[in-house]
Amino acid sequence: MRFERIEQLTDCQNNDLHRMYQEEWWTKGRGLEDIRRMLEHTKVTVGFCDTESKCLIAFARVLTDYVYKALVLDVIVEGGSRGQGLARALMDAVVGRRSLASVSHIELYCRPELASL
């Protein structure tokens, strides 16, 4: 599978994110309209989609003040796309964002066993 980086989700990719959320215990139950509203108020998002189908296969979002803190949330990779380095690629894309270059601390909010990201 080949993938490409995106920074804004299409309506179809919003649906993909909703589906991915429903498959995880920590995001199960999030409603599609709430997800749309969340995305509307999140200035920094990073995703990867399949180059052919354009379906979303990985996603992360960042809450930040652009000075002191950037908090990376909701790092998620679609089940069938795991093991290809997409979570690491999401984190690299976040850290490499020009708009976050002057932020003092970028922090990943996740379970301790996933902290190696």
PDB file of N, CA and C in Angstrom:
ATOM      1  N   MET A   1       0.842  -1.182   0.000  1.00  0.00           N
ATOM      2  CA  MET A   1       0.000   0.000   0.000  1.00  0.00           C
ATOM      3  C   MET A   1       0.888   1.247   0.000  1.00  0.00           C
ATOM      4  N   ARG A   2       0.536   2.175  -0.816  1.00  0.00           N
ATOM      5  CA  ARG A   2       1.241   3.452  -0.879  1.00  0.00           C
ATOM      6  C   ARG A   2       0.346   4.501  -0.233  1.00  0.00           C
ATOM      7  N   PHE A   3       0.983   5.462   0.432  1.00  0.00           N
ATOM      8  CA  PHE A   3       0.198   6.473   1.125  1.00  0.00           C
ATOM      9  C   PHE A   3       0.802   7.849   0.916  1.00  0.00           C
ATOM     10  N   GLU A   4      -0.058   8.847   1.116  1.00  0.00           N
ATOM     11  CA  GLU A   4       0.383  10.240   1.002  1.00  0.00           C
ATOM     12  C   GLU A   4      -0.091  11.021   2.220  1.00  0.00           C
ATOM     13  N   ARG A   5       0.692  12.032   2.568  1.00  0.00           N
ATOM     14  CA  ARG A   5       0.399  12.866   3.727  1.00  0.00           C
ATOM     15  C   ARG A   5      -0.645  13.914   3.374  1.00  0.00           C
ATOM     16  N   ILE A   6      -1.557  14.154   4.297  1.00  0.00           N
ATOM     17  CA  ILE A   6      -2.567  15.198   4.140  1.00  0.00           C
ATOM     18  C   ILE A   6      -2.615  16.017   5.426  1.00  0.00           C
ATOM     19  N   GLU A   7      -3.074  17.253   5.309  1.00  0.00           N
ATOM     20  CA  GLU A   7      -3.168  18.114   6.483  1.00  0.00           C
ATOM     21  C   GLU A   7      -4.585  18.583   6.754  1.00  0.00           C
ATOM     22  N   GLN A   8      -5.504  18.184   5.885  1.00  0.00           N
ATOM     23  CA  GLN A   8      -6.907  18.515   6.081  1.00  0.00           C
ATOM     24  C   GLN A   8      -7.732  17.360   5.529  1.00  0.00           C
ATOM     25  N   LEU A   9      -8.746  16.957   6.263  1.00  0.00           N
ATOM     26  CA  LEU A   9      -9.555  15.822   5.864  1.00  0.00           C
ATOM     27  C   LEU A   9     -10.734  16.250   5.004  1.00  0.00           C
ATOM     28  N   THR A  10     -11.070  15.424   4.035  1.00  0.00           N
ATOM     29  CA  THR A  10     -12.280  15.613   3.234  1.00  0.00           C
ATOM     30  C   THR A  10     -13.462  15.058   4.026  1.00  0.00           C
ATOM     31  N   ASP A  11     -14.674  15.283   3.548  1.00  0.00           N
ATOM     32  CA  ASP A  11     -15.852  14.716   4.206  1.00  0.00           C
ATOM     33  C   ASP A  11     -15.769  13.193   4.257  1.00  0.00           C
ATOM     34  N   CYS A  12     -15.320  12.589   3.182  1.00  0.00           N
ATOM     35  CA  CYS A  12     -15.178  11.134   3.137  1.00  0.00           C
ATOM     36  C   CYS A  12     -14.146  10.672   4.168  1.00  0.00           C
ATOM     37  N   GLN A  13     -13.061  11.400   4.300  1.00  0.00           N
ATOM     38  CA  GLN A  13     -12.030  11.047   5.279  1.00  0.00           C
ATOM     39  C   GLN A  13     -12.507  11.280   6.711  1.00  0.00           C
ATOM     40  N   ASN A  14     -13.416  12.239   6.918  1.00  0.00           N
ATOM     41  CA  ASN A  14     -14.051  12.393   8.232  1.00  0.00           C
ATOM     42  C   ASN A  14     -14.787  11.109   8.591  1.00  0.00           C
ATOM     43  N   ASN A  15     -15.480  10.537   7.611  1.00  0.00           N
ATOM     44  CA  ASN A  15     -16.178   9.271   7.829  1.00  0.00           C
ATOM     45  C   ASN A  15     -15.191   8.146   8.126  1.00  0.00           C
ATOM     46  N   ASP A  16     -14.064   8.144   7.423  1.00  0.00           N
ATOM     47  CA  ASP A  16     -13.023   7.144   7.690  1.00  0.00           C
ATOM     48  C   ASP A  16     -12.518   7.266   9.124  1.00  0.00           C
ATOM     49  N   LEU A  17     -12.286   8.499   9.579  1.00  0.00           N
ATOM     50  CA  LEU A  17     -11.813   8.720  10.947  1.00  0.00           C
ATOM     51  C   LEU A  17     -12.854   8.227  11.947  1.00  0.00           C
ATOM     52  N   HIS A  18     -14.103   8.516  11.692  1.00  0.00           N
ATOM     53  CA  HIS A  18     -15.178   8.043  12.570  1.00  0.00           C
ATOM     54  C   HIS A  18     -15.158   6.519  12.652  1.00  0.00           C
ATOM     55  N   ARG A  19     -15.019   5.858  11.518  1.00  0.00           N
ATOM     56  CA  ARG A  19     -14.959   4.389  11.492  1.00  0.00           C
ATOM     57  C   ARG A  19     -13.755   3.887  12.301  1.00  0.00           C
ATOM     58  N   MET A  20     -12.592   4.524  12.098  1.00  0.00           N
ATOM     59  CA  MET A  20     -11.393   4.125  12.837  1.00  0.00           C
ATOM     60  C   MET A  20     -11.602   4.317  14.338  1.00  0.00           C
ATOM     61  N   TYR A  21     -12.214   5.414  14.732  1.00  0.00           N
ATOM     62  CA  TYR A  21     -12.488   5.666  16.151  1.00  0.00           C
ATOM     63  C   TYR A  21     -13.389   4.576  16.738  1.00  0.00           C
ATOM     64  N   GLN A  22     -14.364   4.122  15.964  1.00  0.00           N
ATOM     65  CA  GLN A  22     -15.295   3.118  16.482  1.00  0.00           C
ATOM     66  C   GLN A  22     -14.617   1.770  16.726  1.00  0.00           C
ATOM     67  N   GLU A  23     -13.467   1.568  16.143  1.00  0.00           N
ATOM     68  CA  GLU A  23     -12.762   0.297  16.283  1.00  0.00           C
ATOM     69  C   GLU A  23     -11.797   0.261  17.461  1.00  0.00           C
ATOM     70  N   GLU A  24     -11.664   1.362  18.195  1.00  0.00           N
ATOM     71  CA  GLU A  24     -10.733   1.425  19.325  1.00  0.00           C
ATOM     72  C   GLU A  24     -11.490   1.691  20.616  1.00  0.00           C
ATOM     73  N   TRP A  25     -11.069   1.048  21.701  1.00  0.00           N
ATOM     74  CA  TRP A  25     -11.755   1.208  22.979  1.00  0.00           C
ATOM     75  C   TRP A  25     -11.685   2.634  23.500  1.00  0.00           C
ATOM     76  N   TRP A  26     -10.614   3.343  23.195  1.00  0.00           N
ATOM     77  CA  TRP A  26     -10.406   4.675  23.752  1.00  0.00           C
ATOM     78  C   TRP A  26     -11.124   5.782  22.976  1.00  0.00           C
ATOM     79  N   THR A  27     -11.685   5.459  21.807  1.00  0.00           N
ATOM     80  CA  THR A  27     -12.409   6.463  21.017  1.00  0.00           C
ATOM     81  C   THR A  27     -13.787   5.968  20.590  1.00  0.00           C
ATOM     82  N   LYS A  28     -14.115   4.732  20.931  1.00  0.00           N
ATOM     83  CA  LYS A  28     -15.407   4.161  20.560  1.00  0.00           C
ATOM     84  C   LYS A  28     -16.532   5.017  21.125  1.00  0.00           C
ATOM     85  N   GLY A  29     -17.543   5.262  20.335  1.00  0.00           N
ATOM     86  CA  GLY A  29     -18.682   6.049  20.789  1.00  0.00           C
ATOM     87  C   GLY A  29     -18.631   7.514  20.397  1.00  0.00           C
ATOM     88  N   ARG A  30     -17.518   7.957  19.830  1.00  0.00           N
ATOM     89  CA  ARG A  30     -17.463   9.347  19.363  1.00  0.00           C
ATOM     90  C   ARG A  30     -18.387   9.489  18.162  1.00  0.00           C
ATOM     91  N   GLY A  31     -19.228  10.504  18.196  1.00  0.00           N
ATOM     92  CA  GLY A  31     -20.190  10.725  17.123  1.00  0.00           C
ATOM     93  C   GLY A  31     -19.586  11.492  15.960  1.00  0.00           C
ATOM     94  N   LEU A  32     -20.106  11.242  14.776  1.00  0.00           N
ATOM     95  CA  LEU A  32     -19.589  11.885  13.567  1.00  0.00           C
ATOM     96  C   LEU A  32     -19.703  13.403  13.633  1.00  0.00           C
ATOM     97  N   GLU A  33     -20.815  13.923  14.109  1.00  0.00           N
ATOM     98  CA  GLU A  33     -20.969  15.383  14.194  1.00  0.00           C
ATOM     99  C   GLU A  33     -19.990  15.986  15.195  1.00  0.00           C
ATOM    100  N   ASP A  34     -19.745  15.288  16.305  1.00  0.00           N
ATOM    101  CA  ASP A  34     -18.756  15.762  17.281  1.00  0.00           C
ATOM    102  C   ASP A  34     -17.355  15.754  16.677  1.00  0.00           C
ATOM    103  N   ILE A  35     -17.058  14.733  15.890  1.00  0.00           N
ATOM    104  CA  ILE A  35     -15.753  14.652  15.229  1.00  0.00           C
ATOM    105  C   ILE A  35     -15.591  15.813  14.255  1.00  0.00           C
ATOM    106  N   ARG A  36     -16.622  16.104  13.499  1.00  0.00           N
ATOM    107  CA  ARG A  36     -16.559  17.250  12.566  1.00  0.00           C
ATOM    108  C   ARG A  36     -16.317  18.552  13.329  1.00  0.00           C
ATOM    109  N   ARG A  37     -17.006  18.713  14.443  1.00  0.00           N
ATOM    110  CA  ARG A  37     -16.830  19.937  15.243  1.00  0.00           C
ATOM    111  C   ARG A  37     -15.418  19.991  15.833  1.00  0.00           C
ATOM    112  N   MET A  38     -14.911  18.855  16.302  1.00  0.00           N
ATOM    113  CA  MET A  38     -13.545  18.787  16.830  1.00  0.00           C
ATOM    114  C   MET A  38     -12.545  19.222  15.759  1.00  0.00           C
ATOM    115  N   LEU A  39     -12.701  18.673  14.559  1.00  0.00           N
ATOM    116  CA  LEU A  39     -11.780  18.998  13.469  1.00  0.00           C
ATOM    117  C   LEU A  39     -11.875  20.475  13.078  1.00  0.00           C
ATOM    118  N   GLU A  40     -13.059  21.012  13.133  1.00  0.00           N
ATOM    119  CA  GLU A  40     -13.268  22.425  12.809  1.00  0.00           C
ATOM    120  C   GLU A  40     -12.485  23.335  13.750  1.00  0.00           C
ATOM    121  N   HIS A  41     -12.296  22.890  14.987  1.00  0.00           N
ATOM    122  CA  HIS A  41     -11.616  23.701  16.004  1.00  0.00           C
ATOM    123  C   HIS A  41     -10.183  23.257  16.274  1.00  0.00           C
ATOM    124  N   THR A  42      -9.665  22.365  15.459  1.00  0.00           N
ATOM    125  CA  THR A  42      -8.287  21.917  15.590  1.00  0.00           C
ATOM    126  C   THR A  42      -7.490  22.477  14.427  1.00  0.00           C
ATOM    127  N   LYS A  43      -6.524  23.322  14.719  1.00  0.00           N
ATOM    128  CA  LYS A  43      -5.763  23.985  13.658  1.00  0.00           C
ATOM    129  C   LYS A  43      -4.673  23.108  13.044  1.00  0.00           C
ATOM    130  N   VAL A  44      -4.166  22.129  13.791  1.00  0.00           N
ATOM    131  CA  VAL A  44      -3.087  21.289  13.278  1.00  0.00           C
ATOM    132  C   VAL A  44      -3.547  19.827  13.259  1.00  0.00           C
ATOM    133  N   THR A  45      -3.695  19.290  12.067  1.00  0.00           N
ATOM    134  CA  THR A  45      -3.986  17.872  11.899  1.00  0.00           C
ATOM    135  C   THR A  45      -3.012  17.305  10.871  1.00  0.00           C
ATOM    136  N   VAL A  46      -2.701  16.039  11.037  1.00  0.00           N
ATOM    137  CA  VAL A  46      -1.838  15.339  10.093  1.00  0.00           C
ATOM    138  C   VAL A  46      -2.462  13.973   9.854  1.00  0.00           C
ATOM    139  N   GLY A  47      -2.483  13.570   8.612  1.00  0.00           N
ATOM    140  CA  GLY A  47      -3.008  12.255   8.291  1.00  0.00           C
ATOM    141  C   GLY A  47      -2.267  11.646   7.128  1.00  0.00           C
ATOM    142  N   PHE A  48      -2.523  10.380   6.920  1.00  0.00           N
ATOM    143  CA  PHE A  48      -2.045   9.686   5.740  1.00  0.00           C
ATOM    144  C   PHE A  48      -3.227   8.976   5.117  1.00  0.00           C
ATOM    145  N   CYS A  49      -3.296   9.053   3.800  1.00  0.00           N
ATOM    146  CA  CYS A  49      -4.356   8.354   3.085  1.00  0.00           C
ATOM    147  C   CYS A  49      -3.744   7.455   2.025  1.00  0.00           C
ATOM    148  N   ASP A  50      -4.495   6.444   1.645  1.00  0.00           N
ATOM    149  CA  ASP A  50      -4.090   5.563   0.570  1.00  0.00           C
ATOM    150  C   ASP A  50      -4.059   6.387  -0.718  1.00  0.00           C
ATOM    151  N   THR A  51      -2.977   6.289  -1.488  1.00  0.00           N
ATOM    152  CA  THR A  51      -2.833   7.130  -2.681  1.00  0.00           C
ATOM    153  C   THR A  51      -3.890   6.837  -3.732  1.00  0.00           C
ATOM    154  N   GLU A  52      -4.356   5.608  -3.820  1.00  0.00           N
ATOM    155  CA  GLU A  52      -5.358   5.273  -4.842  1.00  0.00           C
ATOM    156  C   GLU A  52      -6.772   5.590  -4.393  1.00  0.00           C
ATOM    157  N   SER A  53      -7.163   5.076  -3.247  1.00  0.00           N
ATOM    158  CA  SER A  53      -8.550   5.235  -2.794  1.00  0.00           C
ATOM    159  C   SER A  53      -8.807   6.563  -2.087  1.00  0.00           C
ATOM    160  N   LYS A  54      -7.749   7.206  -1.613  1.00  0.00           N
ATOM    161  CA  LYS A  54      -7.816   8.444  -0.818  1.00  0.00           C
ATOM    162  C   LYS A  54      -8.457   8.222   0.546  1.00  0.00           C
ATOM    163  N   CYS A  55      -8.638   6.958   0.949  1.00  0.00           N
ATOM    164  CA  CYS A  55      -9.180   6.642   2.268  1.00  0.00           C
ATOM    165  C   CYS A  55      -8.139   6.953   3.341  1.00  0.00           C
ATOM    166  N   LEU A  56      -8.595   7.534   4.437  1.00  0.00           N
ATOM    167  CA  LEU A  56      -7.726   7.845   5.556  1.00  0.00           C
ATOM    168  C   LEU A  56      -7.279   6.554   6.228  1.00  0.00           C
ATOM    169  N   ILE A  57      -5.966   6.437   6.482  1.00  0.00           N
ATOM    170  CA  ILE A  57      -5.446   5.242   7.144  1.00  0.00           C
ATOM    171  C   ILE A  57      -4.675   5.571   8.422  1.00  0.00           C
ATOM    172  N   ALA A  58      -4.364   6.850   8.648  1.00  0.00           N
ATOM    173  CA  ALA A  58      -3.662   7.257   9.869  1.00  0.00           C
ATOM    174  C   ALA A  58      -3.960   8.722  10.146  1.00  0.00           C
ATOM    175  N   PHE A  59      -3.968   9.083  11.438  1.00  0.00           N
ATOM    176  CA  PHE A  59      -4.374  10.440  11.809  1.00  0.00           C
ATOM    177  C   PHE A  59      -3.791  10.819  13.165  1.00  0.00           C
ATOM    178  N   ALA A  60      -3.503  12.102  13.331  1.00  0.00           N
ATOM    179  CA  ALA A  60      -3.144  12.693  14.623  1.00  0.00           C
ATOM    180  C   ALA A  60      -3.574  14.156  14.602  1.00  0.00           C
ATOM    181  N   ARG A  61      -3.810  14.698  15.774  1.00  0.00           N
ATOM    182  CA  ARG A  61      -4.152  16.119  15.876  1.00  0.00           C
ATOM    183  C   ARG A  61      -3.338  16.748  16.983  1.00  0.00           C
ATOM    184  N   VAL A  62      -3.201  18.079  16.915  1.00  0.00           N
ATOM    185  CA  VAL A  62      -2.364  18.805  17.863  1.00  0.00           C
ATOM    186  C   VAL A  62      -3.122  20.014  18.396  1.00  0.00           C
ATOM    187  N   LEU A  63      -3.117  20.158  19.704  1.00  0.00           N
ATOM    188  CA  LEU A  63      -3.595  21.382  20.347  1.00  0.00           C
ATOM    189  C   LEU A  63      -2.360  22.150  20.781  1.00  0.00           C
ATOM    190  N   THR A  64      -2.305  23.432  20.459  1.00  0.00           N
ATOM    191  CA  THR A  64      -1.091  24.193  20.732  1.00  0.00           C
ATOM    192  C   THR A  64      -1.360  25.676  20.935  1.00  0.00           C
ATOM    193  N   ASP A  65      -0.427  26.306  21.660  1.00  0.00           N
ATOM    194  CA  ASP A  65      -0.414  27.765  21.774  1.00  0.00           C
ATOM    195  C   ASP A  65       0.670  28.357  20.868  1.00  0.00           C
ATOM    196  N   TYR A  66       1.387  27.507  20.145  1.00  0.00           N
ATOM    197  CA  TYR A  66       2.455  27.865  19.198  1.00  0.00           C
ATOM    198  C   TYR A  66       3.674  28.512  19.863  1.00  0.00           C
ATOM    199  N   VAL A  67       3.736  28.490  21.186  1.00  0.00           N
ATOM    200  CA  VAL A  67       4.876  29.063  21.894  1.00  0.00           C
ATOM    201  C   VAL A  67       5.474  28.048  22.868  1.00  0.00           C
ATOM    202  N   TYR A  68       4.680  27.656  23.850  1.00  0.00           N
ATOM    203  CA  TYR A  68       5.196  26.806  24.917  1.00  0.00           C
ATOM    204  C   TYR A  68       4.869  25.322  24.750  1.00  0.00           C
ATOM    205  N   LYS A  69       3.652  25.034  24.379  1.00  0.00           N
ATOM    206  CA  LYS A  69       3.193  23.642  24.380  1.00  0.00           C
ATOM    207  C   LYS A  69       2.455  23.277  23.093  1.00  0.00           C
ATOM    208  N   ALA A  70       2.681  22.038  22.694  1.00  0.00           N
ATOM    209  CA  ALA A  70       1.898  21.403  21.636  1.00  0.00           C
ATOM    210  C   ALA A  70       1.590  19.999  22.128  1.00  0.00           C
ATOM    211  N   LEU A  71       0.326  19.682  22.253  1.00  0.00           N
ATOM    212  CA  LEU A  71      -0.109  18.403  22.776  1.00  0.00           C
ATOM    213  C   LEU A  71      -0.656  17.560  21.620  1.00  0.00           C
ATOM    214  N   VAL A  72      -0.004  16.437  21.352  1.00  0.00           N
ATOM    215  CA  VAL A  72      -0.399  15.544  20.265  1.00  0.00           C
ATOM    216  C   VAL A  72      -1.417  14.555  20.813  1.00  0.00           C
ATOM    217  N   LEU A  73      -2.571  14.494  20.156  1.00  0.00           N
ATOM    218  CA  LEU A  73      -3.684  13.658  20.601  1.00  0.00           C
ATOM    219  C   LEU A  73      -4.161  12.744  19.474  1.00  0.00           C
ATOM    220  N   ASP A  74      -4.867  11.702  19.872  1.00  0.00           N
ATOM    221  CA  ASP A  74      -5.603  10.837  18.933  1.00  0.00           C
ATOM    222  C   ASP A  74      -4.739  10.223  17.838  1.00  0.00           C
ATOM    223  N   VAL A  75      -3.522   9.849  18.146  1.00  0.00           N
ATOM    224  CA  VAL A  75      -2.693   9.160  17.152  1.00  0.00           C
ATOM    225  C   VAL A  75      -3.336   7.800  16.907  1.00  0.00           C
ATOM    226  N   ILE A  76      -3.765   7.584  15.662  1.00  0.00           N
ATOM    227  CA  ILE A  76      -4.497   6.369  15.342  1.00  0.00           C
ATOM    228  C   ILE A  76      -4.122   5.898  13.942  1.00  0.00           C
ATOM    229  N   VAL A  77      -3.944   4.592  13.811  1.00  0.00           N
ATOM    230  CA  VAL A  77      -3.641   3.965  12.523  1.00  0.00           C
ATOM    231  C   VAL A  77      -4.676   2.873  12.300  1.00  0.00           C
ATOM    232  N   GLU A  78      -5.258   2.856  11.132  1.00  0.00           N
ATOM    233  CA  GLU A  78      -6.257   1.862  10.765  1.00  0.00           C
ATOM    234  C   GLU A  78      -5.660   0.463  10.928  1.00  0.00           C
ATOM    235  N   GLY A  79      -6.446  -0.467  11.477  1.00  0.00           N
ATOM    236  CA  GLY A  79      -5.959  -1.793  11.830  1.00  0.00           C
ATOM    237  C   GLY A  79      -5.173  -2.498  10.740  1.00  0.00           C
ATOM    238  N   GLY A  80      -5.654  -2.470   9.524  1.00  0.00           N
ATOM    239  CA  GLY A  80      -4.996  -3.162   8.425  1.00  0.00           C
ATOM    240  C   GLY A  80      -3.739  -2.480   7.916  1.00  0.00           C
ATOM    241  N   SER A  81      -3.460  -1.287   8.423  1.00  0.00           N
ATOM    242  CA  SER A  81      -2.291  -0.526   7.957  1.00  0.00           C
ATOM    243  C   SER A  81      -1.199  -0.434   9.011  1.00  0.00           C
ATOM    244  N   ARG A  82      -1.367  -1.126  10.113  1.00  0.00           N
ATOM    245  CA  ARG A  82      -0.370  -1.084  11.187  1.00  0.00           C
ATOM    246  C   ARG A  82       0.871  -1.875  10.793  1.00  0.00           C
ATOM    247  N   GLY A  83       1.973  -1.530  11.433  1.00  0.00           N
ATOM    248  CA  GLY A  83       3.223  -2.224  11.178  1.00  0.00           C
ATOM    249  C   GLY A  83       4.000  -1.686   9.992  1.00  0.00           C
ATOM    250  N   GLN A  84       3.575  -0.539   9.450  1.00  0.00           N
ATOM    251  CA  GLN A  84       4.242   0.066   8.300  1.00  0.00           C
ATOM    252  C   GLN A  84       4.954   1.361   8.661  1.00  0.00           C
ATOM    253  N   GLY A  85       5.015   1.676   9.948  1.00  0.00           N
ATOM    254  CA  GLY A  85       5.696   2.888  10.390  1.00  0.00           C
ATOM    255  C   GLY A  85       4.859   4.145  10.305  1.00  0.00           C
ATOM    256  N   LEU A  86       3.539   4.008  10.168  1.00  0.00           N
ATOM    257  CA  LEU A  86       2.689   5.192  10.013  1.00  0.00           C
ATOM    258  C   LEU A  86       2.584   6.020  11.294  1.00  0.00           C
ATOM    259  N   ALA A  87       2.550   5.389  12.449  1.00  0.00           N
ATOM    260  CA  ALA A  87       2.493   6.156  13.704  1.00  0.00           C
ATOM    261  C   ALA A  87       3.754   7.003  13.850  1.00  0.00           C
ATOM    262  N   ARG A  88       4.889   6.407  13.562  1.00  0.00           N
ATOM    263  CA  ARG A  88       6.161   7.153  13.616  1.00  0.00           C
ATOM    264  C   ARG A  88       6.150   8.276  12.572  1.00  0.00           C
ATOM    265  N   ALA A  89       5.633   7.990  11.376  1.00  0.00           N
ATOM    266  CA  ALA A  89       5.563   9.009  10.322  1.00  0.00           C
ATOM    267  C   ALA A  89       4.648  10.156  10.735  1.00  0.00           C
ATOM    268  N   LEU A  90       3.550   9.843  11.448  1.00  0.00           N
ATOM    269  CA  LEU A  90       2.673  10.902  11.956  1.00  0.00           C
ATOM    270  C   LEU A  90       3.439  11.805  12.921  1.00  0.00           C
ATOM    271  N   MET A  91       4.163  11.192  13.848  1.00  0.00           N
ATOM    272  CA  MET A  91       4.923  11.974  14.828  1.00  0.00           C
ATOM    273  C   MET A  91       6.017  12.802  14.145  1.00  0.00           C
ATOM    274  N   ASP A  92       6.697  12.218  13.179  1.00  0.00           N
ATOM    275  CA  ASP A  92       7.720  12.968  12.434  1.00  0.00           C
ATOM    276  C   ASP A  92       7.096  14.153  11.704  1.00  0.00           C
ATOM    277  N   ALA A  93       5.914  13.942  11.140  1.00  0.00           N
ATOM    278  CA  ALA A  93       5.227  15.025  10.426  1.00  0.00           C
ATOM    279  C   ALA A  93       4.827  16.139  11.381  1.00  0.00           C
ATOM    280  N   VAL A  94       4.383  15.779  12.576  1.00  0.00           N
ATOM    281  CA  VAL A  94       4.016  16.789  13.574  1.00  0.00           C
ATOM    282  C   VAL A  94       5.252  17.591  13.983  1.00  0.00           C
ATOM    283  N   VAL A  95       6.307  16.893  14.359  1.00  0.00           N
ATOM    284  CA  VAL A  95       7.529  17.563  14.820  1.00  0.00           C
ATOM    285  C   VAL A  95       8.135  18.417  13.707  1.00  0.00           C
ATOM    286  N   GLY A  96       7.962  18.004  12.461  1.00  0.00           N
ATOM    287  CA  GLY A  96       8.517  18.732  11.335  1.00  0.00           C
ATOM    288  C   GLY A  96       7.669  19.889  10.823  1.00  0.00           C
ATOM    289  N   ARG A  97       6.501  20.093  11.408  1.00  0.00           N
ATOM    290  CA  ARG A  97       5.637  21.194  10.952  1.00  0.00           C
ATOM    291  C   ARG A  97       6.307  22.536  11.210  1.00  0.00           C
ATOM    292  N   ARG A  98       6.379  23.347  10.189  1.00  0.00           N
ATOM    293  CA  ARG A  98       7.003  24.664  10.319  1.00  0.00           C
ATOM    294  C   ARG A  98       6.291  25.517  11.369  1.00  0.00           C
ATOM    295  N   SER A  99       4.959  25.414  11.441  1.00  0.00           N
ATOM    296  CA  SER A  99       4.203  26.226  12.399  1.00  0.00           C
ATOM    297  C   SER A  99       4.494  25.844  13.851  1.00  0.00           C
ATOM    298  N   LEU A 100       5.076  24.658  14.073  1.00  0.00           N
ATOM    299  CA  LEU A 100       5.395  24.217  15.434  1.00  0.00           C
ATOM    300  C   LEU A 100       6.881  24.304  15.754  1.00  0.00           C
ATOM    301  N   ALA A 101       7.667  24.832  14.827  1.00  0.00           N
ATOM    302  CA  ALA A 101       9.130  24.849  14.978  1.00  0.00           C
ATOM    303  C   ALA A 101       9.600  25.601  16.221  1.00  0.00           C
ATOM    304  N   SER A 102       8.884  26.636  16.635  1.00  0.00           N
ATOM    305  CA  SER A 102       9.339  27.429  17.786  1.00  0.00           C
ATOM    306  C   SER A 102       8.662  27.019  19.097  1.00  0.00           C
ATOM    307  N   VAL A 103       7.880  25.964  19.083  1.00  0.00           N
ATOM    308  CA  VAL A 103       7.224  25.493  20.304  1.00  0.00           C
ATOM    309  C   VAL A 103       8.261  24.839  21.221  1.00  0.00           C
ATOM    310  N   SER A 104       8.282  25.230  22.484  1.00  0.00           N
ATOM    311  CA  SER A 104       9.269  24.716  23.434  1.00  0.00           C
ATOM    312  C   SER A 104       9.113  23.223  23.717  1.00  0.00           C
ATOM    313  N   HIS A 105       7.878  22.752  23.892  1.00  0.00           N
ATOM    314  CA  HIS A 105       7.636  21.362  24.256  1.00  0.00           C
ATOM    315  C   HIS A 105       6.515  20.763  23.407  1.00  0.00           C
ATOM    316  N   ILE A 106       6.829  19.670  22.737  1.00  0.00           N
ATOM    317  CA  ILE A 106       5.810  18.892  22.039  1.00  0.00           C
ATOM    318  C   ILE A 106       5.622  17.619  22.835  1.00  0.00           C
ATOM    319  N   GLU A 107       4.397  17.381  23.287  1.00  0.00           N
ATOM    320  CA  GLU A 107       4.110  16.254  24.152  1.00  0.00           C
ATOM    321  C   GLU A 107       3.067  15.344  23.517  1.00  0.00           C
ATOM    322  N   LEU A 108       3.289  14.052  23.648  1.00  0.00           N
ATOM    323  CA  LEU A 108       2.358  13.042  23.144  1.00  0.00           C
ATOM    324  C   LEU A 108       1.502  12.558  24.298  1.00  0.00           C
ATOM    325  N   TYR A 109       0.209  12.656  24.139  1.00  0.00           N
ATOM    326  CA  TYR A 109      -0.727  12.147  25.127  1.00  0.00           C
ATOM    327  C   TYR A 109      -1.109  10.726  24.702  1.00  0.00           C
ATOM    328  N   CYS A 110      -0.616   9.749  25.447  1.00  0.00           N
ATOM    329  CA  CYS A 110      -0.904   8.353  25.104  1.00  0.00           C
ATOM    330  C   CYS A 110      -0.665   7.461  26.310  1.00  0.00           C
ATOM    331  N   ARG A 111      -1.007   6.194  26.160  1.00  0.00           N
ATOM    332  CA  ARG A 111      -0.757   5.192  27.185  1.00  0.00           C
ATOM    333  C   ARG A 111       0.751   4.972  27.313  1.00  0.00           C
ATOM    334  N   PRO A 112       1.226   4.666  28.504  1.00  0.00           N
ATOM    335  CA  PRO A 112       2.676   4.500  28.721  1.00  0.00           C
ATOM    336  C   PRO A 112       3.342   3.505  27.765  1.00  0.00           C
ATOM    337  N   GLU A 113       2.666   2.427  27.416  1.00  0.00           N
ATOM    338  CA  GLU A 113       3.278   1.435  26.533  1.00  0.00           C
ATOM    339  C   GLU A 113       3.453   1.933  25.099  1.00  0.00           C
ATOM    340  N   LEU A 114       2.861   3.064  24.768  1.00  0.00           N
ATOM    341  CA  LEU A 114       3.008   3.643  23.433  1.00  0.00           C
ATOM    342  C   LEU A 114       3.960   4.829  23.410  1.00  0.00           C
ATOM    343  N   ALA A 115       4.569   5.148  24.519  1.00  0.00           N
ATOM    344  CA  ALA A 115       5.416   6.329  24.632  1.00  0.00           C
ATOM    345  C   ALA A 115       6.639   6.307  23.727  1.00  0.00           C
ATOM    346  N   SER A 116       7.007   5.145  23.205  1.00  0.00           N
ATOM    347  CA  SER A 116       8.168   5.085  22.315  1.00  0.00           C
ATOM    348  C   SER A 116       7.960   5.870  21.021  1.00  0.00           C
ATOM    349  N   LEU A 117       6.721   6.228  20.724  1.00  0.00           N
ATOM    350  CA  LEU A 117       6.456   7.068  19.554  1.00  0.00           C
ATOM    351  C   LEU A 117       7.144   8.407  19.706  1.00  0.00           C
TER     352      LEU A 117
END
